[in-house]
């Protein structure tokens, strides 16, 4: 993700409950929906004993709009009721980035 201006990262870390029925389908739906939102830039995710998903946004307003999206609210509630034992959300301003990759 090349970006000359600052942007924001939403870091969502979580642990799952025993009941994950329907989680993968909902996670895929939310990723597809997030990608269609104004201000969305990118997403990265890794899951093992702890899940980490980082989504990138142009502005705090775009993040607020995503958090309040009706379908996302339904997924959040389902996550609290069924899928997560714990989660934490961090919102950070990214002022600089660089990367390495082997050819």
PDB file of N, CA and C in Angstrom:
ATOM      1  N   UNK A   1       0.862  -1.172   0.000  1.00  0.00           N
ATOM      2  CA  UNK A   1       0.000   0.000   0.000  1.00  0.00           C
ATOM      3  C   UNK A   1       0.903   1.226   0.000  1.00  0.00           C
ATOM      4  N   UNK A   2       0.953   1.921  -1.089  1.00  0.00           N
ATOM      5  CA  UNK A   2       1.739   3.146  -1.190  1.00  0.00           C
ATOM      6  C   UNK A   2       0.837   4.330  -0.919  1.00  0.00           C
ATOM      7  N   UNK A   3       1.268   5.156   0.010  1.00  0.00           N
ATOM      8  CA  UNK A   3       0.447   6.293   0.378  1.00  0.00           C
ATOM      9  C   UNK A   3       1.359   7.396   0.888  1.00  0.00           C
ATOM     10  N   UNK A   4       1.296   8.571   0.284  1.00  0.00           N
ATOM     11  CA  UNK A   4       2.156   9.685   0.672  1.00  0.00           C
ATOM     12  C   UNK A   4       1.592  10.492   1.827  1.00  0.00           C
ATOM     13  N   UNK A   5       0.351  10.274   2.177  1.00  0.00           N
ATOM     14  CA  UNK A   5      -0.258  11.015   3.276  1.00  0.00           C
ATOM     15  C   UNK A   5      -0.581  10.068   4.420  1.00  0.00           C
ATOM     16  N   UNK A   6      -0.736  10.610   5.593  1.00  0.00           N
ATOM     17  CA  UNK A   6      -1.078   9.797   6.761  1.00  0.00           C
ATOM     18  C   UNK A   6      -2.447   9.150   6.559  1.00  0.00           C
ATOM     19  N   UNK A   7      -2.613   8.012   7.185  1.00  0.00           N
ATOM     20  CA  UNK A   7      -3.879   7.297   7.149  1.00  0.00           C
ATOM     21  C   UNK A   7      -4.026   6.570   8.480  1.00  0.00           C
ATOM     22  N   UNK A   8      -5.079   5.804   8.642  1.00  0.00           N
ATOM     23  CA  UNK A   8      -5.381   5.181   9.926  1.00  0.00           C
ATOM     24  C   UNK A   8      -5.450   3.667   9.800  1.00  0.00           C
ATOM     25  N   UNK A   9      -5.035   3.009  10.877  1.00  0.00           N
ATOM     26  CA  UNK A   9      -5.115   1.553  10.975  1.00  0.00           C
ATOM     27  C   UNK A   9      -6.036   1.189  12.129  1.00  0.00           C
ATOM     28  N   UNK A  10      -6.958   0.276  11.872  1.00  0.00           N
ATOM     29  CA  UNK A  10      -7.785  -0.306  12.929  1.00  0.00           C
ATOM     30  C   UNK A  10      -7.237  -1.705  13.161  1.00  0.00           C
ATOM     31  N   UNK A  11      -6.698  -1.921  14.355  1.00  0.00           N
ATOM     32  CA  UNK A  11      -6.102  -3.211  14.709  1.00  0.00           C
ATOM     33  C   UNK A  11      -7.093  -3.947  15.601  1.00  0.00           C
ATOM     34  N   UNK A  12      -7.595  -5.059  15.096  1.00  0.00           N
ATOM     35  CA  UNK A  12      -8.578  -5.873  15.823  1.00  0.00           C
ATOM     36  C   UNK A  12      -7.905  -7.180  16.212  1.00  0.00           C
ATOM     37  N   UNK A  13      -7.670  -7.378  17.503  1.00  0.00           N
ATOM     38  CA  UNK A  13      -7.097  -8.628  17.996  1.00  0.00           C
ATOM     39  C   UNK A  13      -8.170  -9.358  18.789  1.00  0.00           C
ATOM     40  N   UNK A  14      -8.175 -10.699  18.685  1.00  0.00           N
ATOM     41  CA  UNK A  14      -9.259 -11.453  19.316  1.00  0.00           C
ATOM     42  C   UNK A  14      -8.850 -12.885  19.603  1.00  0.00           C
ATOM     43  N   UNK A  15      -9.593 -13.481  20.523  1.00  0.00           N
ATOM     44  CA  UNK A  15      -9.554 -14.927  20.719  1.00  0.00           C
ATOM     45  C   UNK A  15     -10.982 -15.444  20.548  1.00  0.00           C
ATOM     46  N   UNK A  16     -11.080 -16.632  19.964  1.00  0.00           N
ATOM     47  CA  UNK A  16     -12.391 -17.215  19.659  1.00  0.00           C
ATOM     48  C   UNK A  16     -12.924 -18.063  20.811  1.00  0.00           C
ATOM     49  N   UNK A  17     -14.223 -18.136  20.854  1.00  0.00           N
ATOM     50  CA  UNK A  17     -14.902 -19.073  21.741  1.00  0.00           C
ATOM     51  C   UNK A  17     -14.904 -20.445  21.061  1.00  0.00           C
ATOM     52  N   UNK A  18     -15.516 -21.402  21.718  1.00  0.00           N
ATOM     53  CA  UNK A  18     -15.647 -22.743  21.125  1.00  0.00           C
ATOM     54  C   UNK A  18     -16.639 -22.739  19.957  1.00  0.00           C
ATOM     55  N   UNK A  19     -17.600 -21.816  19.990  1.00  0.00           N
ATOM     56  CA  UNK A  19     -18.640 -21.753  18.965  1.00  0.00           C
ATOM     57  C   UNK A  19     -18.217 -20.809  17.846  1.00  0.00           C
ATOM     58  N   UNK A  20     -17.749 -21.364  16.745  1.00  0.00           N
ATOM     59  CA  UNK A  20     -17.360 -20.531  15.603  1.00  0.00           C
ATOM     60  C   UNK A  20     -18.247 -20.798  14.381  1.00  0.00           C
ATOM     61  N   UNK A  21     -19.374 -21.456  14.599  1.00  0.00           N
ATOM     62  CA  UNK A  21     -20.285 -21.758  13.494  1.00  0.00           C
ATOM     63  C   UNK A  21     -20.745 -20.459  12.824  1.00  0.00           C
ATOM     64  N   UNK A  22     -20.521 -20.361  11.533  1.00  0.00           N
ATOM     65  CA  UNK A  22     -20.925 -19.202  10.757  1.00  0.00           C
ATOM     66  C   UNK A  22     -19.906 -18.069  10.748  1.00  0.00           C
ATOM     67  N   UNK A  23     -18.853 -18.207  11.556  1.00  0.00           N
ATOM     68  CA  UNK A  23     -17.867 -17.115  11.666  1.00  0.00           C
ATOM     69  C   UNK A  23     -17.150 -16.836  10.346  1.00  0.00           C
ATOM     70  N   UNK A  24     -16.647 -17.869   9.695  1.00  0.00           N
ATOM     71  CA  UNK A  24     -15.870 -17.684   8.458  1.00  0.00           C
ATOM     72  C   UNK A  24     -16.711 -16.991   7.396  1.00  0.00           C
ATOM     73  N   UNK A  25     -17.950 -17.428   7.232  1.00  0.00           N
ATOM     74  CA  UNK A  25     -18.827 -16.792   6.242  1.00  0.00           C
ATOM     75  C   UNK A  25     -19.054 -15.320   6.571  1.00  0.00           C
ATOM     76  N   UNK A  26     -19.303 -15.019   7.842  1.00  0.00           N
ATOM     77  CA  UNK A  26     -19.529 -13.629   8.241  1.00  0.00           C
ATOM     78  C   UNK A  26     -18.257 -12.799   8.062  1.00  0.00           C
ATOM     79  N   UNK A  27     -17.110 -13.353   8.425  1.00  0.00           N
ATOM     80  CA  UNK A  27     -15.844 -12.628   8.264  1.00  0.00           C
ATOM     81  C   UNK A  27     -15.603 -12.299   6.794  1.00  0.00           C
ATOM     82  N   UNK A  28     -15.868 -13.249   5.919  1.00  0.00           N
ATOM     83  CA  UNK A  28     -15.713 -13.009   4.479  1.00  0.00           C
ATOM     84  C   UNK A  28     -16.683 -11.939   3.981  1.00  0.00           C
ATOM     85  N   UNK A  29     -17.925 -11.994   4.455  1.00  0.00           N
ATOM     86  CA  UNK A  29     -18.914 -10.983   4.073  1.00  0.00           C
ATOM     87  C   UNK A  29     -18.490  -9.594   4.545  1.00  0.00           C
ATOM     88  N   UNK A  30     -17.976  -9.505   5.771  1.00  0.00           N
ATOM     89  CA  UNK A  30     -17.571  -8.202   6.326  1.00  0.00           C
ATOM     90  C   UNK A  30     -16.361  -7.652   5.577  1.00  0.00           C
ATOM     91  N   UNK A  31     -15.432  -8.523   5.186  1.00  0.00           N
ATOM     92  CA  UNK A  31     -14.282  -8.053   4.416  1.00  0.00           C
ATOM     93  C   UNK A  31     -14.729  -7.512   3.062  1.00  0.00           C
ATOM     94  N   UNK A  32     -15.609  -8.234   2.402  1.00  0.00           N
ATOM     95  CA  UNK A  32     -16.133  -7.767   1.109  1.00  0.00           C
ATOM     96  C   UNK A  32     -16.862  -6.439   1.267  1.00  0.00           C
ATOM     97  N   UNK A  33     -17.680  -6.332   2.303  1.00  0.00           N
ATOM     98  CA  UNK A  33     -18.428  -5.100   2.551  1.00  0.00           C
ATOM     99  C   UNK A  33     -17.494  -3.947   2.903  1.00  0.00           C
ATOM    100  N   UNK A  34     -16.507  -4.196   3.748  1.00  0.00           N
ATOM    101  CA  UNK A  34     -15.545  -3.143   4.124  1.00  0.00           C
ATOM    102  C   UNK A  34     -14.845  -2.601   2.891  1.00  0.00           C
ATOM    103  N   UNK A  35     -14.454  -3.491   1.989  1.00  0.00           N
ATOM    104  CA  UNK A  35     -13.744  -3.071   0.776  1.00  0.00           C
ATOM    105  C   UNK A  35     -14.576  -2.138  -0.100  1.00  0.00           C
ATOM    106  N   UNK A  36     -15.895  -2.166   0.061  1.00  0.00           N
ATOM    107  CA  UNK A  36     -16.769  -1.310  -0.755  1.00  0.00           C
ATOM    108  C   UNK A  36     -17.065   0.031  -0.083  1.00  0.00           C
ATOM    109  N   UNK A  37     -16.557   0.248   1.126  1.00  0.00           N
ATOM    110  CA  UNK A  37     -16.865   1.472   1.867  1.00  0.00           C
ATOM    111  C   UNK A  37     -15.963   2.624   1.449  1.00  0.00           C
ATOM    112  N   UNK A  38     -16.526   3.825   1.466  1.00  0.00           N
ATOM    113  CA  UNK A  38     -15.729   5.017   1.200  1.00  0.00           C
ATOM    114  C   UNK A  38     -14.623   5.119   2.239  1.00  0.00           C
ATOM    115  N   UNK A  39     -13.423   5.399   1.788  1.00  0.00           N
ATOM    116  CA  UNK A  39     -12.295   5.584   2.680  1.00  0.00           C
ATOM    117  C   UNK A  39     -11.526   4.324   3.012  1.00  0.00           C
ATOM    118  N   UNK A  40     -12.005   3.161   2.569  1.00  0.00           N
ATOM    119  CA  UNK A  40     -11.280   1.915   2.813  1.00  0.00           C
ATOM    120  C   UNK A  40     -10.030   1.876   1.942  1.00  0.00           C
ATOM    121  N   UNK A  41      -8.910   1.432   2.517  1.00  0.00           N
ATOM    122  CA  UNK A  41      -7.658   1.339   1.767  1.00  0.00           C
ATOM    123  C   UNK A  41      -7.179  -0.097   1.567  1.00  0.00           C
ATOM    124  N   UNK A  42      -7.170  -0.900   2.635  1.00  0.00           N
ATOM    125  CA  UNK A  42      -6.615  -2.249   2.532  1.00  0.00           C
ATOM    126  C   UNK A  42      -6.942  -3.022   3.806  1.00  0.00           C
ATOM    127  N   UNK A  43      -6.632  -4.322   3.789  1.00  0.00           N
ATOM    128  CA  UNK A  43      -6.831  -5.166   4.969  1.00  0.00           C
ATOM    129  C   UNK A  43      -5.774  -6.265   4.970  1.00  0.00           C
ATOM    130  N   UNK A  44      -5.320  -6.636   6.169  1.00  0.00           N
ATOM    131  CA  UNK A  44      -4.383  -7.734   6.368  1.00  0.00           C
ATOM    132  C   UNK A  44      -4.869  -8.529   7.574  1.00  0.00           C
ATOM    133  N   UNK A  45      -4.668  -9.856   7.538  1.00  0.00           N
ATOM    134  CA  UNK A  45      -5.180 -10.671   8.628  1.00  0.00           C
ATOM    135  C   UNK A  45      -4.290 -11.887   8.846  1.00  0.00           C
ATOM    136  N   UNK A  46      -4.152 -12.286  10.107  1.00  0.00           N
ATOM    137  CA  UNK A  46      -3.440 -13.506  10.480  1.00  0.00           C
ATOM    138  C   UNK A  46      -4.197 -14.129  11.641  1.00  0.00           C
ATOM    139  N   UNK A  47      -4.330 -15.441  11.595  1.00  0.00           N
ATOM    140  CA  UNK A  47      -5.073 -16.117  12.656  1.00  0.00           C
ATOM    141  C   UNK A  47      -4.319 -17.352  13.098  1.00  0.00           C
ATOM    142  N   UNK A  48      -4.156 -17.485  14.393  1.00  0.00           N
ATOM    143  CA  UNK A  48      -3.573 -18.669  15.011  1.00  0.00           C
ATOM    144  C   UNK A  48      -4.264 -18.801  16.364  1.00  0.00           C
ATOM    145  N   UNK A  49      -3.538 -18.802  17.452  1.00  0.00           N
ATOM    146  CA  UNK A  49      -4.194 -18.830  18.763  1.00  0.00           C
ATOM    147  C   UNK A  49      -4.844 -17.485  19.063  1.00  0.00           C
ATOM    148  N   UNK A  50      -4.346 -16.440  18.428  1.00  0.00           N
ATOM    149  CA  UNK A  50      -4.955 -15.108  18.510  1.00  0.00           C
ATOM    150  C   UNK A  50      -5.148 -14.608  17.084  1.00  0.00           C
ATOM    151  N   UNK A  51      -6.276 -13.994  16.821  1.00  0.00           N
ATOM    152  CA  UNK A  51      -6.532 -13.427  15.500  1.00  0.00           C
ATOM    153  C   UNK A  51      -6.140 -11.962  15.489  1.00  0.00           C
ATOM    154  N   UNK A  52      -5.522 -11.536  14.411  1.00  0.00           N
ATOM    155  CA  UNK A  52      -5.156 -10.133  14.234  1.00  0.00           C
ATOM    156  C   UNK A  52      -5.592  -9.706  12.842  1.00  0.00           C
ATOM    157  N   UNK A  53      -6.463  -8.726  12.786  1.00  0.00           N
ATOM    158  CA  UNK A  53      -6.885  -8.155  11.512  1.00  0.00           C
ATOM    159  C   UNK A  53      -6.635  -6.656  11.584  1.00  0.00           C
ATOM    160  N   UNK A  54      -5.946  -6.154  10.582  1.00  0.00           N
ATOM    161  CA  UNK A  54      -5.666  -4.729  10.500  1.00  0.00           C
ATOM    162  C   UNK A  54      -6.318  -4.205   9.230  1.00  0.00           C
ATOM    163  N   UNK A  55      -7.215  -3.248   9.400  1.00  0.00           N
ATOM    164  CA  UNK A  55      -7.805  -2.595   8.232  1.00  0.00           C
ATOM    165  C   UNK A  55      -7.290  -1.158   8.199  1.00  0.00           C
ATOM    166  N   UNK A  56      -7.145  -0.637   6.996  1.00  0.00           N
ATOM    167  CA  UNK A  56      -6.563   0.689   6.790  1.00  0.00           C
ATOM    168  C   UNK A  56      -7.598   1.611   6.151  1.00  0.00           C
ATOM    169  N   UNK A  57      -7.634   2.842   6.664  1.00  0.00           N
ATOM    170  CA  UNK A  57      -8.679   3.790   6.276  1.00  0.00           C
ATOM    171  C   UNK A  57      -8.094   5.172   6.044  1.00  0.00           C
ATOM    172  N   UNK A  58      -8.748   5.933   5.185  1.00  0.00           N
ATOM    173  CA  UNK A  58      -8.295   7.291   4.871  1.00  0.00           C
ATOM    174  C   UNK A  58      -8.507   8.263   6.025  1.00  0.00           C
ATOM    175  N   UNK A  59      -9.540   8.036   6.850  1.00  0.00           N
ATOM    176  CA  UNK A  59      -9.890   9.039   7.862  1.00  0.00           C
ATOM    177  C   UNK A  59     -10.593   8.397   9.044  1.00  0.00           C
ATOM    178  N   UNK A  60     -10.629   9.140  10.153  1.00  0.00           N
ATOM    179  CA  UNK A  60     -11.390   8.695  11.315  1.00  0.00           C
ATOM    180  C   UNK A  60     -12.880   8.649  11.008  1.00  0.00           C
ATOM    181  N   UNK A  61     -13.341   9.546  10.155  1.00  0.00           N
ATOM    182  CA  UNK A  61     -14.756   9.550   9.768  1.00  0.00           C
ATOM    183  C   UNK A  61     -15.116   8.267   9.018  1.00  0.00           C
ATOM    184  N   UNK A  62     -14.237   7.806   8.133  1.00  0.00           N
ATOM    185  CA  UNK A  62     -14.488   6.558   7.405  1.00  0.00           C
ATOM    186  C   UNK A  62     -14.566   5.379   8.375  1.00  0.00           C
ATOM    187  N   UNK A  63     -13.702   5.380   9.391  1.00  0.00           N
ATOM    188  CA  UNK A  63     -13.729   4.320  10.409  1.00  0.00           C
ATOM    189  C   UNK A  63     -15.043   4.373  11.183  1.00  0.00           C
ATOM    190  N   UNK A  64     -15.456   5.562  11.578  1.00  0.00           N
ATOM    191  CA  UNK A  64     -16.711   5.722  12.315  1.00  0.00           C
ATOM    192  C   UNK A  64     -17.898   5.230  11.483  1.00  0.00           C
ATOM    193  N   UNK A  65     -17.919   5.584  10.213  1.00  0.00           N
ATOM    194  CA  UNK A  65     -19.002   5.145   9.331  1.00  0.00           C
ATOM    195  C   UNK A  65     -19.027   3.625   9.205  1.00  0.00           C
ATOM    196  N   UNK A  66     -17.845   3.005   9.106  1.00  0.00           N
ATOM    197  CA  UNK A  66     -17.778   1.552   9.008  1.00  0.00           C
ATOM    198  C   UNK A  66     -18.280   0.915  10.312  1.00  0.00           C
ATOM    199  N   UNK A  67     -17.850   1.426  11.448  1.00  0.00           N
ATOM    200  CA  UNK A  67     -18.283   0.877  12.737  1.00  0.00           C
ATOM    201  C   UNK A  67     -19.801   0.935  12.879  1.00  0.00           C
ATOM    202  N   UNK A  68     -20.427   1.967  12.322  1.00  0.00           N
ATOM    203  CA  UNK A  68     -21.867   2.161  12.461  1.00  0.00           C
ATOM    204  C   UNK A  68     -22.683   1.571  11.316  1.00  0.00           C
ATOM    205  N   UNK A  69     -22.026   0.933  10.341  1.00  0.00           N
ATOM    206  CA  UNK A  69     -22.749   0.319   9.227  1.00  0.00           C
ATOM    207  C   UNK A  69     -23.680  -0.769   9.769  1.00  0.00           C
ATOM    208  N   UNK A  70     -24.908  -0.790   9.313  1.00  0.00           N
ATOM    209  CA  UNK A  70     -25.935  -1.695   9.834  1.00  0.00           C
ATOM    210  C   UNK A  70     -25.489  -3.155   9.818  1.00  0.00           C
ATOM    211  N   UNK A  71     -24.962  -3.638   8.703  1.00  0.00           N
ATOM    212  CA  UNK A  71     -24.542  -5.037   8.617  1.00  0.00           C
ATOM    213  C   UNK A  71     -23.353  -5.316   9.535  1.00  0.00           C
ATOM    214  N   UNK A  72     -22.467  -4.342   9.660  1.00  0.00           N
ATOM    215  CA  UNK A  72     -21.328  -4.509  10.559  1.00  0.00           C
ATOM    216  C   UNK A  72     -21.786  -4.547  12.015  1.00  0.00           C
ATOM    217  N   UNK A  73     -22.805  -3.768  12.364  1.00  0.00           N
ATOM    218  CA  UNK A  73     -23.356  -3.807  13.723  1.00  0.00           C
ATOM    219  C   UNK A  73     -23.912  -5.190  14.054  1.00  0.00           C
ATOM    220  N   UNK A  74     -24.566  -5.818  13.086  1.00  0.00           N
ATOM    221  CA  UNK A  74     -25.095  -7.173  13.275  1.00  0.00           C
ATOM    222  C   UNK A  74     -23.942  -8.146  13.524  1.00  0.00           C
ATOM    223  N   UNK A  75     -22.884  -8.042  12.734  1.00  0.00           N
ATOM    224  CA  UNK A  75     -21.725  -8.920  12.909  1.00  0.00           C
ATOM    225  C   UNK A  75     -21.055  -8.694  14.259  1.00  0.00           C
ATOM    226  N   UNK A  76     -20.963  -7.437  14.685  1.00  0.00           N
ATOM    227  CA  UNK A  76     -20.368  -7.138  15.992  1.00  0.00           C
ATOM    228  C   UNK A  76     -21.166  -7.808  17.114  1.00  0.00           C
ATOM    229  N   UNK A  77     -22.468  -7.704  17.051  1.00  0.00           N
ATOM    230  CA  UNK A  77     -23.317  -8.300  18.081  1.00  0.00           C
ATOM    231  C   UNK A  77     -23.177  -9.819  18.091  1.00  0.00           C
ATOM    232  N   UNK A  78     -23.167 -10.418  16.915  1.00  0.00           N
ATOM    233  CA  UNK A  78     -23.010 -11.880  16.806  1.00  0.00           C
ATOM    234  C   UNK A  78     -21.656 -12.299  17.375  1.00  0.00           C
ATOM    235  N   UNK A  79     -20.616 -11.503  17.118  1.00  0.00           N
ATOM    236  CA  UNK A  79     -19.299 -11.795  17.658  1.00  0.00           C
ATOM    237  C   UNK A  79     -19.291 -11.781  19.175  1.00  0.00           C
ATOM    238  N   UNK A  80     -19.938 -10.789  19.766  1.00  0.00           N
ATOM    239  CA  UNK A  80     -20.008 -10.699  21.233  1.00  0.00           C
ATOM    240  C   UNK A  80     -20.810 -11.854  21.823  1.00  0.00           C
ATOM    241  N   UNK A  81     -21.894 -12.227  21.159  1.00  0.00           N
ATOM    242  CA  UNK A  81     -22.764 -13.287  21.668  1.00  0.00           C
ATOM    243  C   UNK A  81     -22.146 -14.670  21.527  1.00  0.00           C
ATOM    244  N   UNK A  82     -21.468 -14.914  20.379  1.00  0.00           N
ATOM    245  CA  UNK A  82     -21.091 -16.291  20.036  1.00  0.00           C
ATOM    246  C   UNK A  82     -19.607 -16.535  19.778  1.00  0.00           C
ATOM    247  N   UNK A  83     -18.946 -15.685  19.028  1.00  0.00           N
ATOM    248  CA  UNK A  83     -17.665 -16.056  18.438  1.00  0.00           C
ATOM    249  C   UNK A  83     -16.424 -15.672  19.229  1.00  0.00           C
ATOM    250  N   UNK A  84     -16.495 -14.658  20.052  1.00  0.00           N
ATOM    251  CA  UNK A  84     -15.288 -14.181  20.730  1.00  0.00           C
ATOM    252  C   UNK A  84     -15.346 -14.386  22.233  1.00  0.00           C
ATOM    253  N   UNK A  85     -14.218 -14.793  22.783  1.00  0.00           N
ATOM    254  CA  UNK A  85     -14.032 -14.761  24.232  1.00  0.00           C
ATOM    255  C   UNK A  85     -13.497 -13.393  24.643  1.00  0.00           C
ATOM    256  N   UNK A  86     -12.747 -12.784  23.751  1.00  0.00           N
ATOM    257  CA  UNK A  86     -12.097 -11.508  24.039  1.00  0.00           C
ATOM    258  C   UNK A  86     -11.745 -10.833  22.716  1.00  0.00           C
ATOM    259  N   UNK A  87     -11.824  -9.511  22.709  1.00  0.00           N
ATOM    260  CA  UNK A  87     -11.240  -8.757  21.603  1.00  0.00           C
ATOM    261  C   UNK A  87     -10.838  -7.376  22.072  1.00  0.00           C
ATOM    262  N   UNK A  88      -9.938  -6.771  21.310  1.00  0.00           N
ATOM    263  CA  UNK A  88      -9.488  -5.410  21.565  1.00  0.00           C
ATOM    264  C   UNK A  88      -9.353  -4.711  20.224  1.00  0.00           C
ATOM    265  N   UNK A  89      -9.771  -3.445  20.195  1.00  0.00           N
ATOM    266  CA  UNK A  89      -9.666  -2.630  18.986  1.00  0.00           C
ATOM    267  C   UNK A  89      -8.745  -1.455  19.306  1.00  0.00           C
ATOM    268  N   UNK A  90      -7.786  -1.242  18.426  1.00  0.00           N
ATOM    269  CA  UNK A  90      -6.895  -0.092  18.548  1.00  0.00           C
ATOM    270  C   UNK A  90      -6.976   0.687  17.239  1.00  0.00           C
ATOM    271  N   UNK A  91      -7.056   1.991  17.350  1.00  0.00           N
ATOM    272  CA  UNK A  91      -7.078   2.850  16.160  1.00  0.00           C
ATOM    273  C   UNK A  91      -5.836   3.718  16.215  1.00  0.00           C
ATOM    274  N   UNK A  92      -5.034   3.625  15.178  1.00  0.00           N
ATOM    275  CA  UNK A  92      -3.728   4.282  15.146  1.00  0.00           C
ATOM    276  C   UNK A  92      -3.576   5.118  13.885  1.00  0.00           C
ATOM    277  N   UNK A  93      -2.872   6.206  14.007  1.00  0.00           N
ATOM    278  CA  UNK A  93      -2.526   7.019  12.847  1.00  0.00           C
ATOM    279  C   UNK A  93      -1.181   6.544  12.311  1.00  0.00           C
ATOM    280  N   UNK A  94      -1.155   6.214  11.029  1.00  0.00           N
ATOM    281  CA  UNK A  94       0.076   5.779  10.363  1.00  0.00           C
ATOM    282  C   UNK A  94       0.647   6.990   9.643  1.00  0.00           C
ATOM    283  N   UNK A  95       1.812   7.395  10.064  1.00  0.00           N
ATOM    284  CA  UNK A  95       2.425   8.581   9.482  1.00  0.00           C
ATOM    285  C   UNK A  95       3.509   8.249   8.468  1.00  0.00           C
ATOM    286  N   UNK A  96       3.992   7.022   8.526  1.00  0.00           N
ATOM    287  CA  UNK A  96       5.063   6.625   7.622  1.00  0.00           C
ATOM    288  C   UNK A  96       5.020   5.123   7.453  1.00  0.00           C
ATOM    289  N   UNK A  97       5.432   4.641   6.296  1.00  0.00           N
ATOM    290  CA  UNK A  97       5.529   3.206   6.064  1.00  0.00           C
ATOM    291  C   UNK A  97       6.693   2.913   5.139  1.00  0.00           C
ATOM    292  N   UNK A  98       7.225   1.731   5.265  1.00  0.00           N
ATOM    293  CA  UNK A  98       8.223   1.235   4.329  1.00  0.00           C
ATOM    294  C   UNK A  98       8.156  -0.281   4.374  1.00  0.00           C
ATOM    295  N   UNK A  99       8.739  -0.924   3.377  1.00  0.00           N
ATOM    296  CA  UNK A  99       8.661  -2.381   3.320  1.00  0.00           C
ATOM    297  C   UNK A  99       9.870  -2.963   2.621  1.00  0.00           C
ATOM    298  N   UNK A 100      10.055  -4.250   2.798  1.00  0.00           N
ATOM    299  CA  UNK A 100      11.074  -5.030   2.119  1.00  0.00           C
ATOM    300  C   UNK A 100      10.378  -6.228   1.493  1.00  0.00           C
ATOM    301  N   UNK A 101      10.796  -6.618   0.317  1.00  0.00           N
ATOM    302  CA  UNK A 101      10.368  -7.889  -0.241  1.00  0.00           C
ATOM    303  C   UNK A 101      11.448  -8.409  -1.180  1.00  0.00           C
ATOM    304  N   UNK A 102      11.617  -9.706  -1.153  1.00  0.00           N
ATOM    305  CA  UNK A 102      12.610 -10.366  -1.991  1.00  0.00           C
ATOM    306  C   UNK A 102      12.032 -10.569  -3.379  1.00  0.00           C
ATOM    307  N   UNK A 103      12.820 -10.269  -4.392  1.00  0.00           N
ATOM    308  CA  UNK A 103      12.371 -10.443  -5.785  1.00  0.00           C
ATOM    309  C   UNK A 103      12.071 -11.866  -6.110  1.00  0.00           C
TER     310      UNK A 103
END
